[in-house]
Amino acid sequence: MTYSRNMIAVLASLSMLCGCISAGAADSSEPRQRVRDLGIVIGQYPTGTQNAITDVAGVKVGQTTLSSGDGPLVPGHGPVRTGVTVVIPRDDVWHKKVPAGSFVLNGTGEMTGLAWVSESGFLEYPIALTNTLNVPRVANGVMNWMIARYPEVGITDDTLTPVVAECDDGRLNDIQGRHVSEADVVKTIDRASSGAVQEGTVGAGTGMVSYGFKGGIGTSSRRIPETEGGYTVGVLVNANHGRRPELVVGGVPVGRLYEAVPPVAQALSPGQSEGSIIVIIATDAPLDGRQLTRLAKRAALGLARTGSTARHGSGDFMLAFSTANVIPHYPTDRTYTVTQLADTHMNPLITATVEATEEAILNALTMATTVVGRDGHRVEAISLAKLRAILDRQAK
């Protein structure tokens, strides 16, 4: 039987009203793939071995995913669709601090500890990502881990202000329940590792929604040629931002060419979150805090290339660090030596940051899986078959 376009639109609308999978939804059996595996090449520079933030030597990522319960929301009990993701710049970062800088594109959100990063120009503990209401518990978890490893913290050693970044996963998760425990955080830091990084519906990204599709964790990296320094830039994002009509993939306005936005993924009423994104940038290039702040700003351009306009209610936080130098904890000598890249040689790193941020966001979308959360709210993963078809049509 052949259907007219109007009939297809009507059937799709009825399907959504019934809570069924719409015609453009991702097939639940469809294997998820990263954008590069789909033939979508972002930018000019090659990726690192893993195409992940862990391509920067010494950087580790840990994730804990919490998913349980179904049906109506019972505040404090579930359903649970949340988690925590940690990025560790290097082993013993407390005693061997890394230069760091940050940028806030739009501040409707929180990344704790940025005041000290801006003041000191360095980072000295693991970075944790989670949901909005879980920030205090996750901060407690980071402090518990730090105190267990460095028992003199707050006694004969300095105190700490953990870096914890949040996005709102309340559309799918019982966010009032604050289900990520301090023990979950400690476990996540302990099992963080280098190598491949899970993406999509995992860790802090479990309940996130981006561009009207299921979002979450994404990562990518760039390797700069030896003639331009041979440095590596890696990016990890927690994508919970954007509206579907905005989505751009490889320069193609995919969001406008897709389909009607399901109700749960539409803009929420005034006073509710419009979504956020956290961008973590790592590099082995010898940059100081000022230069890393410049690099963090450029991540906003990678975000813009995917279509985001950083809406009024969005929290868009970027944090960059370098593993090239060690800033000692309490140096006995009055001076210490560092190597610093000249600003005039930063252009390749700037380009690499923009490219890796763009690709990390797209990886979050293409690797995410469909999730049904609290009150039966269903957020579809982007259909890779439909994405391919849209891109193929535009290429002709």
Protein backbone atom coordinates (compact mmCIF):
# COMPACT_ATOMS: atom_id res chain seq x y z
CA MET A 1 0.00 0.00 0.00
CA THR A 2 1.25 3.51 -0.82
CA TYR A 3 0.70 6.38 1.61
CA SER A 4 0.65 10.11 0.82
CA ARG A 5 2.89 12.40 2.85
CA ASN A 6 -0.14 13.79 4.71
CA MET A 7 -1.29 10.29 5.65
CA ILE A 8 2.19 9.43 6.93
CA ALA A 9 2.22 12.57 9.08
CA VAL A 10 -1.19 11.69 10.55
CA LEU A 11 -0.13 8.12 11.29
CA ALA A 12 3.07 9.33 12.93
CA SER A 13 1.12 11.74 15.13
CA LEU A 14 -1.31 9.02 16.19
CA SER A 15 1.62 6.76 16.95
CA MET A 16 3.15 9.33 19.27
CA LEU A 17 -0.14 9.94 21.03
CA CYS A 18 -0.45 6.23 21.69
CA GLY A 19 3.04 6.10 23.16
CA CYS A 20 4.28 3.96 20.29
CA ILE A 21 7.53 4.33 18.38
CA SER A 22 7.08 6.83 15.59
CA ALA A 23 8.01 6.12 12.00
CA GLY A 24 11.28 8.02 12.34
CA ALA A 25 12.34 6.51 15.66
CA ALA A 26 15.44 4.44 16.11
CA ASP A 27 14.96 0.71 15.69
CA SER A 28 15.67 -0.85 19.10
CA SER A 29 17.73 -3.54 17.35
CA GLU A 30 19.75 -0.97 15.38
CA PRO A 31 23.43 -1.19 16.40
CA ARG A 32 24.67 2.15 17.66
CA GLN A 33 27.68 3.66 15.93
CA ARG A 34 29.94 6.65 16.34
CA VAL A 35 29.64 9.35 13.69
CA ARG A 36 32.98 8.49 12.10
CA ASP A 37 31.82 4.88 11.66
CA LEU A 38 28.80 6.30 9.83
CA GLY A 39 31.13 7.97 7.34
CA ILE A 40 30.74 11.44 8.86
CA VAL A 41 34.18 13.01 9.13
CA ILE A 42 34.35 16.16 11.22
CA GLY A 43 37.20 18.58 10.57
CA GLN A 44 40.70 18.19 9.16
CA TYR A 45 42.85 16.65 11.89
CA PRO A 46 43.09 12.87 12.50
CA THR A 47 41.81 11.36 15.73
CA GLY A 48 43.87 9.64 18.38
CA THR A 49 43.91 5.86 18.75
CA GLN A 50 40.67 5.68 20.76
CA ASN A 51 39.17 8.92 19.44
CA ALA A 52 38.55 9.74 23.11
CA ILE A 53 39.72 12.07 25.85
CA THR A 54 41.85 9.18 27.13
CA ASP A 55 44.11 9.57 24.08
CA VAL A 56 45.80 12.23 26.21
CA ALA A 57 48.32 10.11 28.14
CA GLY A 58 47.52 9.72 31.83
CA VAL A 59 43.87 10.75 31.60
CA LYS A 60 41.36 8.26 33.00
CA VAL A 61 37.56 8.06 32.87
CA GLY A 62 35.24 6.21 35.23
CA GLN A 63 31.46 5.80 35.00
CA THR A 64 28.65 4.34 37.08
CA THR A 65 25.19 3.94 35.56
CA LEU A 66 22.08 3.68 37.74
CA SER A 67 18.92 2.44 36.03
CA SER A 68 16.06 0.79 37.90
CA GLY A 69 12.29 0.83 38.21
CA ASP A 70 9.51 1.70 35.79
CA GLY A 71 6.16 3.46 35.79
CA PRO A 72 4.86 6.48 37.71
CA LEU A 73 7.27 8.77 39.51
CA VAL A 74 7.49 8.21 43.25
CA PRO A 75 9.73 11.06 44.44
CA GLY A 76 12.67 9.73 46.37
CA HIS A 77 12.17 6.17 45.14
CA GLY A 78 12.25 6.08 41.35
CA PRO A 79 12.26 5.28 38.53
CA VAL A 80 16.03 5.86 38.45
CA ARG A 81 17.82 6.89 35.26
CA THR A 82 21.02 8.63 36.33
CA GLY A 83 24.69 8.14 37.16
CA VAL A 84 28.11 9.69 37.60
CA THR A 85 31.10 10.15 35.30
CA VAL A 86 34.59 11.14 36.48
CA VAL A 87 37.62 12.42 34.58
CA ILE A 88 40.99 12.06 36.32
CA PRO A 89 43.71 14.28 34.78
CA ARG A 90 46.61 12.21 36.14
CA ASP A 91 47.55 9.94 39.01
CA ASP A 92 48.18 11.87 42.24
CA VAL A 93 46.82 15.11 40.80
CA TRP A 94 46.68 16.46 44.38
CA HIS A 95 50.47 16.58 44.64
CA LYS A 96 51.09 16.99 40.89
CA LYS A 97 48.53 19.57 39.89
CA VAL A 98 47.65 20.32 36.28
CA PRO A 99 47.29 23.80 34.78
CA ALA A 100 43.62 24.52 34.06
CA GLY A 101 41.22 27.16 32.79
CA SER A 102 37.46 27.43 32.31
CA PHE A 103 34.75 29.29 30.44
CA VAL A 104 31.04 29.71 31.14
CA LEU A 105 29.09 30.38 27.95
CA ASN A 106 25.72 30.55 29.72
CA GLY A 107 25.50 30.13 33.47
CA THR A 108 22.09 28.58 34.11
CA GLY A 109 23.72 25.65 35.86
CA GLU A 110 26.69 24.83 38.04
CA MET A 111 30.22 23.59 37.96
CA THR A 112 31.53 23.87 41.51
CA GLY A 113 35.13 24.82 42.21
CA LEU A 114 35.60 27.10 39.21
CA ALA A 115 36.38 30.14 41.37
CA TRP A 116 39.51 28.40 42.66
CA VAL A 117 40.46 27.14 39.20
CA SER A 118 40.22 30.70 37.89
CA GLU A 119 42.19 32.11 40.81
CA SER A 120 44.93 29.49 40.95
CA GLY A 121 45.17 28.48 37.30
CA PHE A 122 45.33 24.79 38.20
CA LEU A 123 43.22 21.72 38.95
CA GLU A 124 44.02 19.35 41.81
CA TYR A 125 41.34 16.65 42.02
CA PRO A 126 39.13 14.44 39.83
CA ILE A 127 36.33 16.13 37.86
CA ALA A 128 32.87 14.66 38.47
CA LEU A 129 29.74 14.96 36.29
CA THR A 130 26.23 14.11 37.53
CA ASN A 131 22.67 15.48 37.74
CA THR A 132 21.66 18.81 39.26
CA LEU A 133 20.30 17.77 42.64
CA ASN A 134 23.05 15.20 43.18
CA VAL A 135 25.88 17.76 43.24
CA PRO A 136 26.28 17.86 47.06
CA ARG A 137 26.36 14.08 47.44
CA VAL A 138 28.82 13.69 44.59
CA ALA A 139 31.00 16.42 46.08
CA ASN A 140 30.91 14.52 49.38
CA GLY A 141 31.95 11.38 47.53
CA VAL A 142 34.94 13.14 45.96
CA MET A 143 35.92 14.51 49.37
CA ASN A 144 35.60 11.06 50.95
CA TRP A 145 37.88 9.63 48.26
CA MET A 146 40.40 12.44 48.69
CA ILE A 147 40.47 12.20 52.49
CA ALA A 148 40.91 8.41 52.36
CA ARG A 149 43.85 8.85 49.97
CA TYR A 150 45.28 11.97 51.65
CA PRO A 151 44.36 11.67 55.36
CA GLU A 152 45.96 14.99 56.33
CA VAL A 153 43.47 17.00 54.21
CA GLY A 154 41.97 19.69 56.44
CA ILE A 155 44.35 18.88 59.32
CA THR A 156 47.97 19.58 58.37
CA ASP A 157 47.22 19.72 54.64
CA ASP A 158 45.01 22.06 52.64
CA THR A 159 41.24 21.68 52.28
CA LEU A 160 39.51 21.15 48.94
CA THR A 161 36.63 22.46 46.83
CA PRO A 162 35.67 19.64 44.42
CA VAL A 163 34.85 20.30 40.78
CA VAL A 164 31.38 18.83 40.19
CA ALA A 165 29.39 19.70 37.06
CA GLU A 166 25.67 19.10 36.62
CA CYS A 167 22.96 18.71 34.01
CA ASP A 168 19.24 18.23 34.71
CA ASP A 169 18.00 14.68 34.00
CA GLY A 170 14.58 15.23 35.61
CA ARG A 171 12.68 14.44 32.41
CA LEU A 172 13.58 10.77 32.75
CA ASN A 173 14.91 10.37 36.27
CA ASP A 174 13.60 10.69 39.83
CA ILE A 175 15.94 13.61 40.36
CA GLN A 176 14.62 14.35 43.87
CA GLY A 177 15.87 10.94 44.93
CA ARG A 178 19.55 11.94 44.52
CA HIS A 179 20.31 8.32 43.86
CA VAL A 180 24.05 8.67 43.22
CA SER A 181 25.58 7.88 46.58
CA GLU A 182 28.95 8.87 48.01
CA ALA A 183 29.95 5.21 47.77
CA ASP A 184 29.07 5.24 44.05
CA VAL A 185 31.44 8.16 43.52
CA VAL A 186 34.30 6.52 45.40
CA LYS A 187 33.80 3.32 43.39
CA THR A 188 33.71 5.26 40.14
CA ILE A 189 36.98 7.06 40.84
CA ASP A 190 38.65 3.84 41.96
CA ARG A 191 37.80 1.99 38.76
CA ALA A 192 38.54 4.83 36.33
CA SER A 193 40.80 3.71 33.50
CA SER A 194 42.47 4.78 30.29
CA GLY A 195 41.50 3.35 26.89
CA ALA A 196 38.07 3.22 25.28
CA VAL A 197 35.29 5.30 26.85
CA GLN A 198 31.66 4.23 26.88
CA GLU A 199 29.32 6.77 25.31
CA GLY A 200 25.66 7.65 25.15
CA THR A 201 23.30 6.34 27.82
CA VAL A 202 25.94 5.78 30.47
CA GLY A 203 27.18 7.39 33.68
CA ALA A 204 26.12 11.01 34.10
CA GLY A 205 24.55 10.82 30.64
CA THR A 206 22.01 8.11 31.53
CA GLY A 207 19.03 10.47 31.78
CA MET A 208 20.11 13.25 29.43
CA VAL A 209 18.24 14.59 26.39
CA SER A 210 19.91 16.51 23.56
CA TYR A 211 18.36 18.13 20.48
CA GLY A 212 15.12 16.29 21.23
CA PHE A 213 16.88 12.92 21.10
CA LYS A 214 18.47 10.78 23.77
CA GLY A 215 21.80 12.41 24.64
CA GLY A 216 24.50 11.76 27.19
CA ILE A 217 28.23 11.12 27.22
CA GLY A 218 30.31 11.63 24.09
CA THR A 219 34.04 11.90 23.47
CA SER A 220 36.52 12.55 20.68
CA SER A 221 40.16 13.51 20.17
CA ARG A 222 42.50 15.07 17.66
CA ARG A 223 46.16 14.39 16.98
CA ILE A 224 48.07 17.38 15.64
CA PRO A 225 50.84 16.57 13.11
CA GLU A 226 54.45 16.60 14.33
CA THR A 227 55.13 19.58 12.11
CA GLU A 228 52.62 21.55 14.23
CA GLY A 229 53.76 20.19 17.58
CA GLY A 230 52.47 16.61 17.65
CA TYR A 231 50.09 17.37 20.53
CA THR A 232 46.83 15.62 21.39
CA VAL A 233 43.53 17.25 22.35
CA GLY A 234 40.73 15.15 23.86
CA VAL A 235 37.19 16.20 24.72
CA LEU A 236 34.43 14.58 26.79
CA VAL A 237 30.90 16.02 26.95
CA ASN A 238 27.69 15.41 28.80
CA ALA A 239 25.12 16.55 26.23
CA ASN A 240 21.73 17.62 27.59
CA HIS A 241 21.13 20.68 25.44
CA GLY A 242 19.48 22.00 22.29
CA ARG A 243 16.16 21.79 20.46
CA ARG A 244 15.58 19.45 17.54
CA PRO A 245 15.14 22.10 14.82
CA GLU A 246 18.61 23.41 15.72
CA LEU A 247 20.55 20.17 15.18
CA VAL A 248 23.26 20.34 12.53
CA VAL A 249 25.36 17.31 11.56
CA GLY A 250 28.37 17.94 9.36
CA GLY A 251 26.83 21.18 8.14
CA VAL A 252 23.47 19.57 7.28
CA PRO A 253 20.35 20.86 9.11
CA VAL A 254 19.33 17.37 10.22
CA GLY A 255 16.97 18.63 12.93
CA ARG A 256 14.78 20.49 10.45
CA LEU A 257 14.78 17.55 8.06
CA TYR A 258 13.88 14.94 10.66
CA GLU A 259 10.38 14.76 12.15
CA ALA A 260 8.04 16.33 14.68
CA VAL A 261 9.45 16.54 18.19
CA PRO A 262 7.95 14.05 20.70
CA PRO A 263 6.19 15.83 23.60
CA VAL A 264 8.70 14.83 26.30
CA ALA A 265 11.57 16.26 24.28
CA GLN A 266 9.91 19.63 23.61
CA ALA A 267 10.78 22.80 25.47
CA LEU A 268 9.57 22.73 29.06
CA SER A 269 7.44 25.40 30.70
CA PRO A 270 9.03 28.62 32.02
CA GLY A 271 11.07 28.03 35.16
CA GLN A 272 12.09 24.53 34.15
CA SER A 273 15.46 23.54 32.72
CA GLU A 274 16.09 24.03 29.01
CA GLY A 275 19.08 21.75 29.12
CA SER A 276 22.82 22.08 29.55
CA ILE A 277 26.16 20.77 28.36
CA ILE A 278 29.42 20.12 30.15
CA VAL A 279 32.62 20.07 28.07
CA ILE A 280 35.89 18.74 29.51
CA ILE A 281 39.02 19.37 27.40
CA ALA A 282 42.36 17.66 27.99
CA THR A 283 45.64 18.24 26.17
CA ASP A 284 49.30 17.35 26.48
CA ALA A 285 50.34 20.68 24.97
CA PRO A 286 52.26 22.85 27.48
CA LEU A 287 49.69 25.54 28.18
CA ASP A 288 49.16 27.64 31.31
CA GLY A 289 45.85 28.54 32.92
CA ARG A 290 45.35 31.65 30.81
CA GLN A 291 45.91 29.75 27.57
CA LEU A 292 43.64 26.92 28.72
CA THR A 293 40.89 29.46 29.38
CA ARG A 294 41.32 30.57 25.77
CA LEU A 295 41.04 26.94 24.66
CA ALA A 296 37.91 26.41 26.79
CA LYS A 297 36.25 29.36 25.04
CA ARG A 298 36.82 27.72 21.65
CA ALA A 299 34.81 24.68 22.71
CA ALA A 300 31.77 26.95 22.43
CA LEU A 301 32.43 27.13 18.67
CA GLY A 302 32.31 23.34 18.42
CA LEU A 303 29.03 23.45 20.32
CA ALA A 304 27.69 26.08 17.92
CA ARG A 305 28.62 23.93 14.91
CA THR A 306 26.09 21.34 16.11
CA GLY A 307 23.42 24.05 16.13
CA SER A 308 23.20 25.17 19.75
CA THR A 309 22.32 28.79 20.48
CA ALA A 310 23.01 28.57 24.25
CA ARG A 311 19.45 29.43 25.22
CA HIS A 312 18.48 31.50 28.26
CA GLY A 313 17.88 28.43 30.44
CA SER A 314 20.94 26.48 29.34
CA GLY A 315 24.06 25.87 31.41
CA ASP A 316 27.12 25.62 29.15
CA PHE A 317 30.34 25.02 31.08
CA MET A 318 33.79 24.31 29.62
CA LEU A 319 36.87 23.22 31.60
CA ALA A 320 40.30 22.64 30.05
CA PHE A 321 43.48 21.20 31.56
CA SER A 322 46.99 20.30 30.40
CA THR A 323 49.06 17.32 31.49
CA ALA A 324 52.34 18.71 30.11
CA ASN A 325 53.56 20.43 33.28
CA VAL A 326 53.44 19.61 36.97
CA ILE A 327 52.50 22.29 39.48
CA PRO A 328 53.88 21.06 42.81
CA HIS A 329 51.70 20.89 45.91
CA TYR A 330 53.85 22.77 48.44
CA PRO A 331 57.21 23.42 46.75
CA THR A 332 60.11 24.07 49.11
CA ASP A 333 61.96 26.05 46.47
CA ARG A 334 60.80 29.54 45.64
CA THR A 335 60.59 28.76 41.93
CA TYR A 336 59.88 25.83 39.68
CA THR A 337 60.33 25.35 35.96
CA VAL A 338 57.60 24.84 33.38
CA THR A 339 57.53 24.74 29.60
CA GLN A 340 55.03 26.97 27.85
CA LEU A 341 53.84 27.02 24.26
CA ALA A 342 53.94 30.42 22.59
CA ASP A 343 50.50 31.89 21.95
CA THR A 344 51.38 32.29 18.29
CA HIS A 345 51.57 28.50 17.97
CA MET A 346 48.14 27.80 19.53
CA ASN A 347 46.10 27.82 16.32
CA PRO A 348 46.30 24.04 15.69
CA LEU A 349 45.12 23.40 19.27
CA ILE A 350 42.24 25.82 18.82
CA THR A 351 41.11 24.06 15.64
CA ALA A 352 41.52 20.64 17.25
CA THR A 353 39.39 21.69 20.23
CA VAL A 354 36.57 22.93 18.01
CA GLU A 355 36.62 19.75 15.92
CA ALA A 356 36.78 17.35 18.87
CA THR A 357 33.97 19.15 20.71
CA GLU A 358 31.70 18.99 17.67
CA GLU A 359 32.38 15.29 17.14
CA ALA A 360 32.03 14.42 20.84
CA ILE A 361 28.53 15.92 20.88
CA LEU A 362 27.51 14.01 17.77
CA ASN A 363 28.96 10.78 19.22
CA ALA A 364 26.79 11.30 22.31
CA LEU A 365 23.73 11.38 20.04
CA THR A 366 24.58 8.46 17.77
CA MET A 367 25.75 6.19 20.60
CA ALA A 368 22.82 6.88 22.93
CA THR A 369 20.00 4.36 23.19
CA THR A 370 16.26 4.93 23.59
CA VAL A 371 15.22 5.30 27.22
CA VAL A 372 11.83 5.04 28.92
CA GLY A 373 11.96 6.81 32.26
CA ARG A 374 9.70 8.11 34.96
CA ASP A 375 5.96 8.33 34.22
CA GLY A 376 6.57 6.38 31.02
CA HIS A 377 8.43 9.29 29.42
CA ARG A 378 10.18 7.92 26.36
CA VAL A 379 13.07 9.66 24.63
CA GLU A 380 14.13 8.10 21.36
CA ALA A 381 17.69 7.71 20.20
CA ILE A 382 18.29 9.32 16.85
CA SER A 383 17.63 6.85 14.04
CA LEU A 384 20.95 6.15 12.35
CA ALA A 385 19.16 4.86 9.26
CA LYS A 386 17.21 8.09 8.99
CA LEU A 387 20.32 10.15 9.69
CA ARG A 388 22.18 8.35 6.89
CA ALA A 389 19.27 8.87 4.51
CA ILE A 390 19.12 12.62 5.25
CA LEU A 391 22.86 13.03 4.75
CA ASP A 392 22.84 10.96 1.57
CA ARG A 393 20.06 13.08 0.09
CA GLN A 394 21.93 16.27 0.89
CA ALA A 395 25.13 14.93 -0.67
CA LYS A 396 23.46 14.36 -4.04
